Amino acid sequence: MCIVHTLTHVWFIIPAERHKALEAQRQKEMAEREAELQRQYAEEKEKAMTENIKQMQEQREKELEELREHHERLMDDRLKEQERLLSEGFKKEAAQLRSEIERLKSMPPPQPPKPKGGCTIL
């Protein structure tokens, strides 16, 4: 091997190979950092989504409980109103029935309709 060739190899090729190796190492480190950043981002995103779902479920449960309470209050109010109306309604109904009974007593009993055309059905 010639000295010129050896010197060229030492001065140009070895540094170029070293540069390629360093560049490859740098690229590998950058890819690893990028992968780590992506992993952290995915973890944070998943954590945020999990927290968001938890908050939504808590809100839904709270709203559902409020609806149940509202429904209970509404049912209680309606039952009280029904009791009041029933107690008043029976009094009114009894008075109406007494009036109807008196009216019916004063009326003559209903008569069967008279046949038309002079025929009697036996």
PDB file of N, CA and C in Angstrom:
ATOM      1  N   MET A   1       0.836  -1.165   0.000  1.00  0.00           N
ATOM      2  CA  MET A   1       0.000   0.000   0.000  1.00  0.00           C
ATOM      3  C   MET A   1       0.890   1.240   0.000  1.00  0.00           C
ATOM      4  N   CYS A   2       0.476   2.147  -0.672  1.00  0.00           N
ATOM      5  CA  CYS A   2       1.263   3.355  -0.850  1.00  0.00           C
ATOM      6  C   CYS A   2       0.995   4.317   0.295  1.00  0.00           C
ATOM      7  N   ILE A   3       1.965   5.144   0.596  1.00  0.00           N
ATOM      8  CA  ILE A   3       1.838   6.100   1.698  1.00  0.00           C
ATOM      9  C   ILE A   3       0.749   7.115   1.411  1.00  0.00           C
ATOM     10  N   VAL A   4       0.632   7.542   0.207  1.00  0.00           N
ATOM     11  CA  VAL A   4      -0.398   8.520  -0.156  1.00  0.00           C
ATOM     12  C   VAL A   4      -1.763   7.913   0.107  1.00  0.00           C
ATOM     13  N   HIS A   5      -1.873   6.685  -0.267  1.00  0.00           N
ATOM     14  CA  HIS A   5      -3.146   6.009  -0.066  1.00  0.00           C
ATOM     15  C   HIS A   5      -3.439   5.865   1.422  1.00  0.00           C
ATOM     16  N   THR A   6      -2.446   5.541   2.214  1.00  0.00           N
ATOM     17  CA  THR A   6      -2.623   5.389   3.649  1.00  0.00           C
ATOM     18  C   THR A   6      -2.952   6.712   4.295  1.00  0.00           C
ATOM     19  N   LEU A   7      -2.250   7.766   3.905  1.00  0.00           N
ATOM     20  CA  LEU A   7      -2.540   9.083   4.462  1.00  0.00           C
ATOM     21  C   LEU A   7      -3.940   9.548   4.071  1.00  0.00           C
ATOM     22  N   THR A   8      -4.341   9.296   2.856  1.00  0.00           N
ATOM     23  CA  THR A   8      -5.694   9.658   2.417  1.00  0.00           C
ATOM     24  C   THR A   8      -6.708   8.923   3.256  1.00  0.00           C
ATOM     25  N   HIS A   9      -6.409   7.670   3.481  1.00  0.00           N
ATOM     26  CA  HIS A   9      -7.317   6.849   4.291  1.00  0.00           C
ATOM     27  C   HIS A   9      -7.414   7.423   5.701  1.00  0.00           C
ATOM     28  N   VAL A  10      -6.320   7.786   6.302  1.00  0.00           N
ATOM     29  CA  VAL A  10      -6.300   8.302   7.668  1.00  0.00           C
ATOM     30  C   VAL A  10      -6.945   9.671   7.731  1.00  0.00           C
ATOM     31  N   TRP A  11      -6.660  10.528   6.790  1.00  0.00           N
ATOM     32  CA  TRP A  11      -7.151  11.907   6.863  1.00  0.00           C
ATOM     33  C   TRP A  11      -8.600  12.063   6.398  1.00  0.00           C
ATOM     34  N   PHE A  12      -8.971  11.307   5.418  1.00  0.00           N
ATOM     35  CA  PHE A  12     -10.299  11.521   4.845  1.00  0.00           C
ATOM     36  C   PHE A  12     -11.298  10.416   5.152  1.00  0.00           C
ATOM     37  N   ILE A  13     -10.902   9.194   4.983  1.00  0.00           N
ATOM     38  CA  ILE A  13     -11.841   8.085   5.118  1.00  0.00           C
ATOM     39  C   ILE A  13     -12.172   7.823   6.573  1.00  0.00           C
ATOM     40  N   ILE A  14     -11.167   7.761   7.433  1.00  0.00           N
ATOM     41  CA  ILE A  14     -11.438   7.494   8.842  1.00  0.00           C
ATOM     42  C   ILE A  14     -12.286   8.610   9.448  1.00  0.00           C
ATOM     43  N   PRO A  15     -11.968   9.866   9.244  1.00  0.00           N
ATOM     44  CA  PRO A  15     -12.853  10.908   9.781  1.00  0.00           C
ATOM     45  C   PRO A  15     -14.254  10.840   9.171  1.00  0.00           C
ATOM     46  N   ALA A  16     -14.350  10.490   7.902  1.00  0.00           N
ATOM     47  CA  ALA A  16     -15.665  10.382   7.283  1.00  0.00           C
ATOM     48  C   ALA A  16     -16.461   9.244   7.910  1.00  0.00           C
ATOM     49  N   GLU A  17     -15.792   8.115   8.147  1.00  0.00           N
ATOM     50  CA  GLU A  17     -16.474   6.992   8.799  1.00  0.00           C
ATOM     51  C   GLU A  17     -16.866   7.367  10.223  1.00  0.00           C
ATOM     52  N   ARG A  18     -15.962   8.067  10.925  1.00  0.00           N
ATOM     53  CA  ARG A  18     -16.257   8.522  12.277  1.00  0.00           C
ATOM     54  C   ARG A  18     -17.459   9.487  12.249  1.00  0.00           C
ATOM     55  N   HIS A  19     -17.461  10.367  11.264  1.00  0.00           N
ATOM     56  CA  HIS A  19     -18.565  11.322  11.111  1.00  0.00           C
ATOM     57  C   HIS A  19     -19.878  10.574  10.848  1.00  0.00           C
ATOM     58  N   LYS A  20     -19.819   9.557   9.980  1.00  0.00           N
ATOM     59  CA  LYS A  20     -21.023   8.750   9.716  1.00  0.00           C
ATOM     60  C   LYS A  20     -21.501   8.047  10.976  1.00  0.00           C
ATOM     61  N   ALA A  21     -20.572   7.506  11.746  1.00  0.00           N
ATOM     62  CA  ALA A  21     -20.929   6.805  12.981  1.00  0.00           C
ATOM     63  C   ALA A  21     -21.528   7.789  13.986  1.00  0.00           C
ATOM     64  N   LEU A  22     -20.887   8.959  14.094  1.00  0.00           N
ATOM     65  CA  LEU A  22     -21.419   9.971  15.020  1.00  0.00           C
ATOM     66  C   LEU A  22     -22.808  10.441  14.571  1.00  0.00           C
ATOM     67  N   GLU A  23     -22.984  10.613  13.289  1.00  0.00           N
ATOM     68  CA  GLU A  23     -24.284  11.050  12.750  1.00  0.00           C
ATOM     69  C   GLU A  23     -25.335   9.969  12.987  1.00  0.00           C
ATOM     70  N   ALA A  24     -24.955   8.719  12.797  1.00  0.00           N
ATOM     71  CA  ALA A  24     -25.880   7.610  13.039  1.00  0.00           C
ATOM     72  C   ALA A  24     -26.256   7.553  14.515  1.00  0.00           C
ATOM     73  N   GLN A  25     -25.278   7.744  15.390  1.00  0.00           N
ATOM     74  CA  GLN A  25     -25.544   7.760  16.834  1.00  0.00           C
ATOM     75  C   GLN A  25     -26.475   8.919  17.190  1.00  0.00           C
ATOM     76  N   ARG A  26     -26.209  10.083  16.592  1.00  0.00           N
ATOM     77  CA  ARG A  26     -27.045  11.261  16.840  1.00  0.00           C
ATOM     78  C   ARG A  26     -28.471  11.007  16.358  1.00  0.00           C
ATOM     79  N   GLN A  27     -28.625  10.418  15.211  1.00  0.00           N
ATOM     80  CA  GLN A  27     -29.951  10.100  14.669  1.00  0.00           C
ATOM     81  C   GLN A  27     -30.681   9.108  15.576  1.00  0.00           C
ATOM     82  N   LYS A  28     -29.921   8.121  16.066  1.00  0.00           N
ATOM     83  CA  LYS A  28     -30.508   7.120  16.961  1.00  0.00           C
ATOM     84  C   LYS A  28     -30.984   7.777  18.247  1.00  0.00           C
ATOM     85  N   GLU A  29     -30.154   8.662  18.816  1.00  0.00           N
ATOM     86  CA  GLU A  29     -30.536   9.356  20.054  1.00  0.00           C
ATOM     87  C   GLU A  29     -31.757  10.246  19.829  1.00  0.00           C
ATOM     88  N   MET A  30     -31.782  10.917  18.686  1.00  0.00           N
ATOM     89  CA  MET A  30     -32.945  11.778  18.379  1.00  0.00           C
ATOM     90  C   MET A  30     -34.210  10.933  18.236  1.00  0.00           C
ATOM     91  N   ALA A  31     -34.082   9.791  17.585  1.00  0.00           N
ATOM     92  CA  ALA A  31     -35.241   8.909  17.422  1.00  0.00           C
ATOM     93  C   ALA A  31     -35.712   8.390  18.777  1.00  0.00           C
ATOM     94  N   GLU A  32     -34.764   8.055  19.654  1.00  0.00           N
ATOM     95  CA  GLU A  32     -35.131   7.592  20.999  1.00  0.00           C
ATOM     96  C   GLU A  32     -35.820   8.701  21.789  1.00  0.00           C
ATOM     97  N   ARG A  33     -35.282   9.940  21.685  1.00  0.00           N
ATOM     98  CA  ARG A  33     -35.918  11.076  22.373  1.00  0.00           C
ATOM     99  C   ARG A  33     -37.320  11.315  21.838  1.00  0.00           C
ATOM    100  N   GLU A  34     -37.455  11.241  20.522  1.00  0.00           N
ATOM    101  CA  GLU A  34     -38.776  11.431  19.896  1.00  0.00           C
ATOM    102  C   GLU A  34     -39.750  10.351  20.354  1.00  0.00           C
ATOM    103  N   ALA A  35     -39.270   9.113  20.409  1.00  0.00           N
ATOM    104  CA  ALA A  35     -40.123   8.005  20.871  1.00  0.00           C
ATOM    105  C   ALA A  35     -40.535   8.220  22.323  1.00  0.00           C
ATOM    106  N   GLU A  36     -39.600   8.680  23.148  1.00  0.00           N
ATOM    107  CA  GLU A  36     -39.907   8.947  24.560  1.00  0.00           C
ATOM    108  C   GLU A  36     -40.929  10.085  24.681  1.00  0.00           C
ATOM    109  N   LEU A  37     -40.746  11.135  23.894  1.00  0.00           N
ATOM    110  CA  LEU A  37     -41.712  12.249  23.901  1.00  0.00           C
ATOM    111  C   LEU A  37     -43.095  11.771  23.465  1.00  0.00           C
ATOM    112  N   GLN A  38     -43.134  10.944  22.445  1.00  0.00           N
ATOM    113  CA  GLN A  38     -44.409  10.405  21.973  1.00  0.00           C
ATOM    114  C   GLN A  38     -45.060   9.536  23.045  1.00  0.00           C
ATOM    115  N   ARG A  39     -44.250   8.719  23.733  1.00  0.00           N
ATOM    116  CA  ARG A  39     -44.778   7.876  24.812  1.00  0.00           C
ATOM    117  C   ARG A  39     -45.338   8.736  25.944  1.00  0.00           C
ATOM    118  N   GLN A  40     -44.588   9.782  26.332  1.00  0.00           N
ATOM    119  CA  GLN A  40     -45.053  10.677  27.396  1.00  0.00           C
ATOM    120  C   GLN A  40     -46.340  11.392  26.985  1.00  0.00           C
ATOM    121  N   TYR A  41     -46.372  11.844  25.732  1.00  0.00           N
ATOM    122  CA  TYR A  41     -47.569  12.524  25.228  1.00  0.00           C
ATOM    123  C   TYR A  41     -48.771  11.587  25.268  1.00  0.00           C
ATOM    124  N   ALA A  42     -48.547  10.340  24.828  1.00  0.00           N
ATOM    125  CA  ALA A  42     -49.646   9.361  24.833  1.00  0.00           C
ATOM    126  C   ALA A  42     -50.110   9.078  26.260  1.00  0.00           C
ATOM    127  N   GLU A  43     -49.171   8.972  27.198  1.00  0.00           N
ATOM    128  CA  GLU A  43     -49.539   8.740  28.601  1.00  0.00           C
ATOM    129  C   GLU A  43     -50.335   9.912  29.157  1.00  0.00           C
ATOM    130  N   GLU A  44     -49.864  11.129  28.884  1.00  0.00           N
ATOM    131  CA  GLU A  44     -50.558  12.324  29.373  1.00  0.00           C
ATOM    132  C   GLU A  44     -51.947  12.439  28.745  1.00  0.00           C
ATOM    133  N   LYS A  45     -52.026  12.133  27.468  1.00  0.00           N
ATOM    134  CA  LYS A  45     -53.314  12.197  26.783  1.00  0.00           C
ATOM    135  C   LYS A  45     -54.276  11.171  27.366  1.00  0.00           C
ATOM    136  N   GLU A  46     -53.782   9.953  27.601  1.00  0.00           N
ATOM    137  CA  GLU A  46     -54.627   8.908  28.181  1.00  0.00           C
ATOM    138  C   GLU A  46     -55.069   9.297  29.597  1.00  0.00           C
ATOM    139  N   LYS A  47     -54.140   9.845  30.367  1.00  0.00           N
ATOM    140  CA  LYS A  47     -54.462  10.281  31.730  1.00  0.00           C
ATOM    141  C   LYS A  47     -55.532  11.376  31.700  1.00  0.00           C
ATOM    142  N   ALA A  48     -55.373  12.339  30.799  1.00  0.00           N
ATOM    143  CA  ALA A  48     -56.349  13.426  30.676  1.00  0.00           C
ATOM    144  C   ALA A  48     -57.709  12.884  30.251  1.00  0.00           C
ATOM    145  N   MET A  49     -57.713  11.953  29.309  1.00  0.00           N
ATOM    146  CA  MET A  49     -58.979  11.373  28.853  1.00  0.00           C
ATOM    147  C   MET A  49     -59.644  10.581  29.970  1.00  0.00           C
ATOM    148  N   THR A  50     -58.852   9.832  30.744  1.00  0.00           N
ATOM    149  CA  THR A  50     -59.389   9.065  31.865  1.00  0.00           C
ATOM    150  C   THR A  50     -59.997  10.007  32.903  1.00  0.00           C
ATOM    151  N   GLU A  51     -59.289  11.097  33.194  1.00  0.00           N
ATOM    152  CA  GLU A  51     -59.798  12.082  34.151  1.00  0.00           C
ATOM    153  C   GLU A  51     -61.070  12.740  33.617  1.00  0.00           C
ATOM    154  N   ASN A  52     -61.084  13.039  32.337  1.00  0.00           N
ATOM    155  CA  ASN A  52     -62.258  13.651  31.719  1.00  0.00           C
ATOM    156  C   ASN A  52     -63.460  12.711  31.802  1.00  0.00           C
ATOM    157  N   ILE A  53     -63.236  11.434  31.512  1.00  0.00           N
ATOM    158  CA  ILE A  53     -64.315  10.441  31.590  1.00  0.00           C
ATOM    159  C   ILE A  53     -64.817  10.339  33.023  1.00  0.00           C
ATOM    160  N   LYS A  54     -63.883  10.329  33.974  1.00  0.00           N
ATOM    161  CA  LYS A  54     -64.259  10.251  35.389  1.00  0.00           C
ATOM    162  C   LYS A  54     -65.116  11.455  35.774  1.00  0.00           C
ATOM    163  N   GLN A  55     -64.700  12.647  35.360  1.00  0.00           N
ATOM    164  CA  GLN A  55     -65.466  13.857  35.671  1.00  0.00           C
ATOM    165  C   GLN A  55     -66.843  13.813  35.016  1.00  0.00           C
ATOM    166  N   MET A  56     -66.909  13.327  33.782  1.00  0.00           N
ATOM    167  CA  MET A  56     -68.194  13.231  33.093  1.00  0.00           C
ATOM    168  C   MET A  56     -69.110  12.236  33.806  1.00  0.00           C
ATOM    169  N   GLN A  57     -68.554  11.114  34.264  1.00  0.00           N
ATOM    170  CA  GLN A  57     -69.354  10.133  34.986  1.00  0.00           C
ATOM    171  C   GLN A  57     -69.852  10.713  36.307  1.00  0.00           C
ATOM    172  N   GLU A  58     -68.989  11.442  37.010  1.00  0.00           N
ATOM    173  CA  GLU A  58     -69.402  12.072  38.259  1.00  0.00           C
ATOM    174  C   GLU A  58     -70.507  13.090  38.006  1.00  0.00           C
ATOM    175  N   GLN A  59     -70.353  13.882  36.938  1.00  0.00           N
ATOM    176  CA  GLN A  59     -71.377  14.869  36.592  1.00  0.00           C
ATOM    177  C   GLN A  59     -72.689  14.180  36.239  1.00  0.00           C
ATOM    178  N   ARG A  60     -72.598  13.096  35.494  1.00  0.00           N
ATOM    179  CA  ARG A  60     -73.801  12.353  35.110  1.00  0.00           C
ATOM    180  C   ARG A  60     -74.493  11.782  36.349  1.00  0.00           C
ATOM    181  N   GLU A  61     -73.703  11.215  37.260  1.00  0.00           N
ATOM    182  CA  GLU A  61     -74.276  10.665  38.483  1.00  0.00           C
ATOM    183  C   GLU A  61     -74.931  11.767  39.318  1.00  0.00           C
ATOM    184  N   LYS A  62     -74.287  12.924  39.383  1.00  0.00           N
ATOM    185  CA  LYS A  62     -74.841  14.053  40.126  1.00  0.00           C
ATOM    186  C   LYS A  62     -76.166  14.495  39.498  1.00  0.00           C
ATOM    187  N   GLU A  63     -76.180  14.635  38.173  1.00  0.00           N
ATOM    188  CA  GLU A  63     -77.409  15.034  37.482  1.00  0.00           C
ATOM    189  C   GLU A  63     -78.502  13.986  37.654  1.00  0.00           C
ATOM    190  N   LEU A  64     -78.115  12.716  37.605  1.00  0.00           N
ATOM    191  CA  LEU A  64     -79.083  11.642  37.790  1.00  0.00           C
ATOM    192  C   LEU A  64     -79.676  11.692  39.195  1.00  0.00           C
ATOM    193  N   GLU A  65     -78.846  11.934  40.182  1.00  0.00           N
ATOM    194  CA  GLU A  65     -79.329  12.048  41.560  1.00  0.00           C
ATOM    195  C   GLU A  65     -80.259  13.255  41.707  1.00  0.00           C
ATOM    196  N   GLU A  66     -79.900  14.362  41.064  1.00  0.00           N
ATOM    197  CA  GLU A  66     -80.761  15.545  41.100  1.00  0.00           C
ATOM    198  C   GLU A  66     -82.109  15.247  40.448  1.00  0.00           C
ATOM    199  N   LEU A  67     -82.080  14.502  39.338  1.00  0.00           N
ATOM    200  CA  LEU A  67     -83.328  14.124  38.678  1.00  0.00           C
ATOM    201  C   LEU A  67     -84.175  13.222  39.574  1.00  0.00           C
ATOM    202  N   ARG A  68     -83.526  12.283  40.244  1.00  0.00           N
ATOM    203  CA  ARG A  68     -84.256  11.404  41.163  1.00  0.00           C
ATOM    204  C   ARG A  68     -84.897  12.201  42.289  1.00  0.00           C
ATOM    205  N   GLU A  69     -84.127  13.130  42.864  1.00  0.00           N
ATOM    206  CA  GLU A  69     -84.661  13.965  43.937  1.00  0.00           C
ATOM    207  C   GLU A  69     -85.822  14.808  43.437  1.00  0.00           C
ATOM    208  N   HIS A  70     -85.663  15.391  42.249  1.00  0.00           N
ATOM    209  CA  HIS A  70     -86.743  16.199  41.668  1.00  0.00           C
ATOM    210  C   HIS A  70     -87.986  15.330  41.457  1.00  0.00           C
ATOM    211  N   HIS A  71     -87.776  14.124  40.946  1.00  0.00           N
ATOM    212  CA  HIS A  71     -88.888  13.213  40.704  1.00  0.00           C
ATOM    213  C   HIS A  71     -89.584  12.862  42.013  1.00  0.00           C
ATOM    214  N   GLU A  72     -88.796  12.607  43.062  1.00  0.00           N
ATOM    215  CA  GLU A  72     -89.380  12.299  44.374  1.00  0.00           C
ATOM    216  C   GLU A  72     -90.216  13.469  44.886  1.00  0.00           C
ATOM    217  N   ARG A  73     -89.658  14.689  44.776  1.00  0.00           N
ATOM    218  CA  ARG A  73     -90.413  15.873  45.223  1.00  0.00           C
ATOM    219  C   ARG A  73     -91.694  16.028  44.410  1.00  0.00           C
ATOM    220  N   LEU A  74     -91.576  15.818  43.118  1.00  0.00           N
ATOM    221  CA  LEU A  74     -92.739  15.929  42.238  1.00  0.00           C
ATOM    222  C   LEU A  74     -93.800  14.895  42.613  1.00  0.00           C
ATOM    223  N   MET A  75     -93.354  13.658  42.852  1.00  0.00           N
ATOM    224  CA  MET A  75     -94.298  12.608  43.249  1.00  0.00           C
ATOM    225  C   MET A  75     -94.945  12.934  44.583  1.00  0.00           C
ATOM    226  N   ASP A  76     -94.171  13.416  45.540  1.00  0.00           N
ATOM    227  CA  ASP A  76     -94.741  13.793  46.838  1.00  0.00           C
ATOM    228  C   ASP A  76     -95.776  14.900  46.670  1.00  0.00           C
ATOM    229  N   ASP A  77     -95.436  15.912  45.880  1.00  0.00           N
ATOM    230  CA  ASP A  77     -96.386  17.006  45.641  1.00  0.00           C
ATOM    231  C   ASP A  77     -97.660  16.494  44.984  1.00  0.00           C
ATOM    232  N   ARG A  78     -97.499  15.617  43.995  1.00  0.00           N
ATOM    233  CA  ARG A  78     -98.675  15.084  43.291  1.00  0.00           C
ATOM    234  C   ARG A  78     -99.525  14.215  44.219  1.00  0.00           C
ATOM    235  N   LEU A  79     -98.877  13.421  45.066  1.00  0.00           N
ATOM    236  CA  LEU A  79     -99.641  12.588  45.995  1.00  0.00           C
ATOM    237  C   LEU A  79    -100.411  13.443  46.989  1.00  0.00           C
ATOM    238  N   LYS A  80     -99.788  14.496  47.484  1.00  0.00           N
ATOM    239  CA  LYS A  80    -100.485  15.403  48.403  1.00  0.00           C
ATOM    240  C   LYS A  80    -101.668  16.064  47.697  1.00  0.00           C
ATOM    241  N   GLU A  81    -101.435  16.498  46.472  1.00  0.00           N
ATOM    242  CA  GLU A  81    -102.515  17.122  45.692  1.00  0.00           C
ATOM    243  C   GLU A  81    -103.630  16.116  45.433  1.00  0.00           C
ATOM    244  N   GLN A  82    -103.247  14.875  45.112  1.00  0.00           N
ATOM    245  CA  GLN A  82    -104.246  13.836  44.877  1.00  0.00           C
ATOM    246  C   GLN A  82    -105.068  13.591  46.142  1.00  0.00           C
ATOM    247  N   GLU A  83    -104.406  13.509  47.284  1.00  0.00           N
ATOM    248  CA  GLU A  83    -105.130  13.303  48.544  1.00  0.00           C
ATOM    249  C   GLU A  83    -106.108  14.445  48.791  1.00  0.00           C
ATOM    250  N   ARG A  84    -105.651  15.668  48.551  1.00  0.00           N
ATOM    251  CA  ARG A  84    -106.530  16.828  48.751  1.00  0.00           C
ATOM    252  C   ARG A  84    -107.726  16.764  47.805  1.00  0.00           C
ATOM    253  N   LEU A  85    -107.430  16.484  46.528  1.00  0.00           N
ATOM    254  CA  LEU A  85    -108.523  16.428  45.551  1.00  0.00           C
ATOM    255  C   LEU A  85    -109.477  15.279  45.856  1.00  0.00           C
ATOM    256  N   LEU A  86    -108.931  14.165  46.281  1.00  0.00           N
ATOM    257  CA  LEU A  86    -109.807  13.036  46.599  1.00  0.00           C
ATOM    258  C   LEU A  86    -110.713  13.368  47.778  1.00  0.00           C
ATOM    259  N   SER A  87    -110.143  13.981  48.797  1.00  0.00           N
ATOM    260  CA  SER A  87    -110.986  14.311  49.952  1.00  0.00           C
ATOM    261  C   SER A  87    -112.046  15.334  49.556  1.00  0.00           C
ATOM    262  N   GLU A  88    -111.672  16.321  48.744  1.00  0.00           N
ATOM    263  CA  GLU A  88    -112.655  17.296  48.273  1.00  0.00           C
ATOM    264  C   GLU A  88    -113.573  16.665  47.232  1.00  0.00           C
ATOM    265  N   GLY A  89    -112.983  15.856  46.380  1.00  0.00           N
ATOM    266  CA  GLY A  89    -113.746  15.236  45.300  1.00  0.00           C
ATOM    267  C   GLY A  89    -114.826  14.319  45.813  1.00  0.00           C
ATOM    268  N   PHE A  90    -114.558  13.565  46.856  1.00  0.00           N
ATOM    269  CA  PHE A  90    -115.582  12.678  47.389  1.00  0.00           C
ATOM    270  C   PHE A  90    -116.735  13.476  47.964  1.00  0.00           C
ATOM    271  N   LYS A  91    -116.421  14.589  48.587  1.00  0.00           N
ATOM    272  CA  LYS A  91    -117.483  15.441  49.116  1.00  0.00           C
ATOM    273  C   LYS A  91    -118.327  15.979  47.968  1.00  0.00           C
ATOM    274  N   LYS A  92    -117.666  16.466  46.942  1.00  0.00           N
ATOM    275  CA  LYS A  92    -118.393  16.984  45.788  1.00  0.00           C
ATOM    276  C   LYS A  92    -119.166  15.862  45.111  1.00  0.00           C
ATOM    277  N   GLU A  93    -118.533  14.718  44.968  1.00  0.00           N
ATOM    278  CA  GLU A  93    -119.169  13.581  44.319  1.00  0.00           C
ATOM    279  C   GLU A  93    -120.397  13.129  45.096  1.00  0.00           C
ATOM    280  N   ALA A  94    -120.260  13.082  46.420  1.00  0.00           N
ATOM    281  CA  ALA A  94    -121.399  12.674  47.241  1.00  0.00           C
ATOM    282  C   ALA A  94    -122.545  13.661  47.076  1.00  0.00           C
ATOM    283  N   ALA A  95    -122.236  14.934  47.070  1.00  0.00           N
ATOM    284  CA  ALA A  95    -123.287  15.955  46.884  1.00  0.00           C
ATOM    285  C   ALA A  95    -123.907  15.817  45.499  1.00  0.00           C
ATOM    286  N   GLN A  96    -123.092  15.568  44.476  1.00  0.00           N
ATOM    287  CA  GLN A  96    -123.615  15.391  43.120  1.00  0.00           C
ATOM    288  C   GLN A  96    -124.486  14.136  43.049  1.00  0.00           C
ATOM    289  N   LEU A  97    -124.034  13.072  43.705  1.00  0.00           N
ATOM    290  CA  LEU A  97    -124.831  11.843  43.701  1.00  0.00           C
ATOM    291  C   LEU A  97    -126.169  12.056  44.426  1.00  0.00           C
ATOM    292  N   ARG A  98    -126.158  12.771  45.543  1.00  0.00           N
ATOM    293  CA  ARG A  98    -127.428  13.052  46.239  1.00  0.00           C
ATOM    294  C   ARG A  98    -128.360  13.824  45.327  1.00  0.00           C
ATOM    295  N   SER A  99    -127.842  14.837  44.628  1.00  0.00           N
ATOM    296  CA  SER A  99    -128.671  15.618  43.702  1.00  0.00           C
ATOM    297  C   SER A  99    -129.203  14.736  42.583  1.00  0.00           C
ATOM    298  N   GLU A 100    -128.364  13.893  42.044  1.00  0.00           N
ATOM    299  CA  GLU A 100    -128.775  12.993  40.957  1.00  0.00           C
ATOM    300  C   GLU A 100    -129.836  12.017  41.445  1.00  0.00           C
ATOM    301  N   ILE A 101    -129.643  11.491  42.634  1.00  0.00           N
ATOM    302  CA  ILE A 101    -130.634  10.563  43.203  1.00  0.00           C
ATOM    303  C   ILE A 101    -131.973  11.259  43.379  1.00  0.00           C
ATOM    304  N   GLU A 102    -131.980  12.474  43.906  1.00  0.00           N
ATOM    305  CA  GLU A 102    -133.229  13.228  44.086  1.00  0.00           C
ATOM    306  C   GLU A 102    -133.888  13.511  42.742  1.00  0.00           C
ATOM    307  N   ARG A 103    -133.115  13.851  41.746  1.00  0.00           N
ATOM    308  CA  ARG A 103    -133.661  14.118  40.412  1.00  0.00           C
ATOM    309  C   ARG A 103    -134.275  12.848  39.839  1.00  0.00           C
ATOM    310  N   LEU A 104    -133.541  11.719  39.990  1.00  0.00           N
ATOM    311  CA  LEU A 104    -134.056  10.458  39.468  1.00  0.00           C
ATOM    312  C   LEU A 104    -135.333  10.039  40.205  1.00  0.00           C
ATOM    313  N   LYS A 105    -135.434  10.294  41.512  1.00  0.00           N
ATOM    314  CA  LYS A 105    -136.627   9.945  42.272  1.00  0.00           C
ATOM    315  C   LYS A 105    -137.832  10.741  41.786  1.00  0.00           C
ATOM    316  N   SER A 106    -137.592  11.994  41.400  1.00  0.00           N
ATOM    317  CA  SER A 106    -138.698  12.841  40.983  1.00  0.00           C
ATOM    318  C   SER A 106    -139.150  12.564  39.556  1.00  0.00           C
ATOM    319  N   MET A 107    -138.374  11.830  38.801  1.00  0.00           N
ATOM    320  CA  MET A 107    -138.734  11.523  37.413  1.00  0.00           C
ATOM    321  C   MET A 107    -139.575  10.257  37.372  1.00  0.00           C
ATOM    322  N   PRO A 108    -140.460  10.190  36.414  1.00  0.00           N
ATOM    323  CA  PRO A 108    -141.208   8.941  36.246  1.00  0.00           C
ATOM    324  C   PRO A 108    -140.285   7.861  35.706  1.00  0.00           C
ATOM    325  N   PRO A 109    -140.571   6.591  35.980  1.00  0.00           N
ATOM    326  CA  PRO A 109    -139.725   5.525  35.453  1.00  0.00           C
ATOM    327  C   PRO A 109    -139.743   5.535  33.928  1.00  0.00           C
ATOM    328  N   PRO A 110    -138.644   5.184  33.301  1.00  0.00           N
ATOM    329  CA  PRO A 110    -138.611   5.181  31.846  1.00  0.00           C
ATOM    330  C   PRO A 110    -139.559   4.129  31.280  1.00  0.00           C
ATOM    331  N   GLN A 111    -140.164   4.444  30.185  1.00  0.00           N
ATOM    332  CA  GLN A 111    -141.095   3.556  29.497  1.00  0.00           C
ATOM    333  C   GLN A 111    -140.418   2.995  28.260  1.00  0.00           C
ATOM    334  N   PRO A 112    -140.731   1.747  27.919  1.00  0.00           N
ATOM    335  CA  PRO A 112    -140.150   1.210  26.683  1.00  0.00           C
ATOM    336  C   PRO A 112    -140.687   1.988  25.492  1.00  0.00           C
ATOM    337  N   PRO A 113    -139.908   2.113  24.456  1.00  0.00           N
ATOM    338  CA  PRO A 113    -140.384   2.852  23.279  1.00  0.00           C
ATOM    339  C   PRO A 113    -141.558   2.137  22.628  1.00  0.00           C
ATOM    340  N   LYS A 114    -142.468   2.930  22.098  1.00  0.00           N
ATOM    341  CA  LYS A 114    -143.622   2.383  21.404  1.00  0.00           C
ATOM    342  C   LYS A 114    -143.203   1.996  20.003  1.00  0.00           C
ATOM    343  N   PRO A 115    -143.648   0.798  19.569  1.00  0.00           N
ATOM    344  CA  PRO A 115    -143.296   0.369  18.218  1.00  0.00           C
ATOM    345  C   PRO A 115    -143.960   1.244  17.182  1.00  0.00           C
ATOM    346  N   LYS A 116    -143.298   1.434  16.061  1.00  0.00           N
ATOM    347  CA  LYS A 116    -143.837   2.210  14.959  1.00  0.00           C
ATOM    348  C   LYS A 116    -144.525   1.288  13.975  1.00  0.00           C
ATOM    349  N   GLY A 117    -145.501   1.784  13.362  1.00  0.00           N
ATOM    350  CA  GLY A 117    -146.193   1.021  12.330  1.00  0.00           C
ATOM    351  C   GLY A 117    -147.254   0.093  12.901  1.00  0.00           C
ATOM    352  N   GLY A 118    -147.593   0.181  14.119  1.00  0.00           N
ATOM    353  CA  GLY A 118    -148.691  -0.586  14.686  1.00  0.00           C
ATOM    354  C   GLY A 118    -148.378  -2.022  15.025  1.00  0.00           C
ATOM    355  N   CYS A 119    -147.169  -2.502  14.868  1.00  0.00           N
ATOM    356  CA  CYS A 119    -146.843  -3.874  15.200  1.00  0.00           C
ATOM    357  C   CYS A 119    -146.354  -3.953  16.627  1.00  0.00           C
ATOM    358  N   THR A 120    -146.728  -5.055  17.273  1.00  0.00           N
ATOM    359  CA  THR A 120    -146.230  -5.277  18.622  1.00  0.00           C
ATOM    360  C   THR A 120    -145.317  -6.479  18.575  1.00  0.00           C
ATOM    361  N   ILE A 121    -144.189  -6.345  19.135  1.00  0.00           N
ATOM    362  CA  ILE A 121    -143.227  -7.442  19.178  1.00  0.00           C
ATOM    363  C   ILE A 121    -143.386  -8.124  20.521  1.00  0.00           C
ATOM    364  N   LEU A 122    -143.574  -9.436  20.467  1.00  0.00           N
ATOM    365  CA  LEU A 122    -143.778 -10.206  21.680  1.00  0.00           C
ATOM    366  C   LEU A 122    -142.521 -10.883  22.095  1.00  0.00           C
TER     367      LEU A 122
END
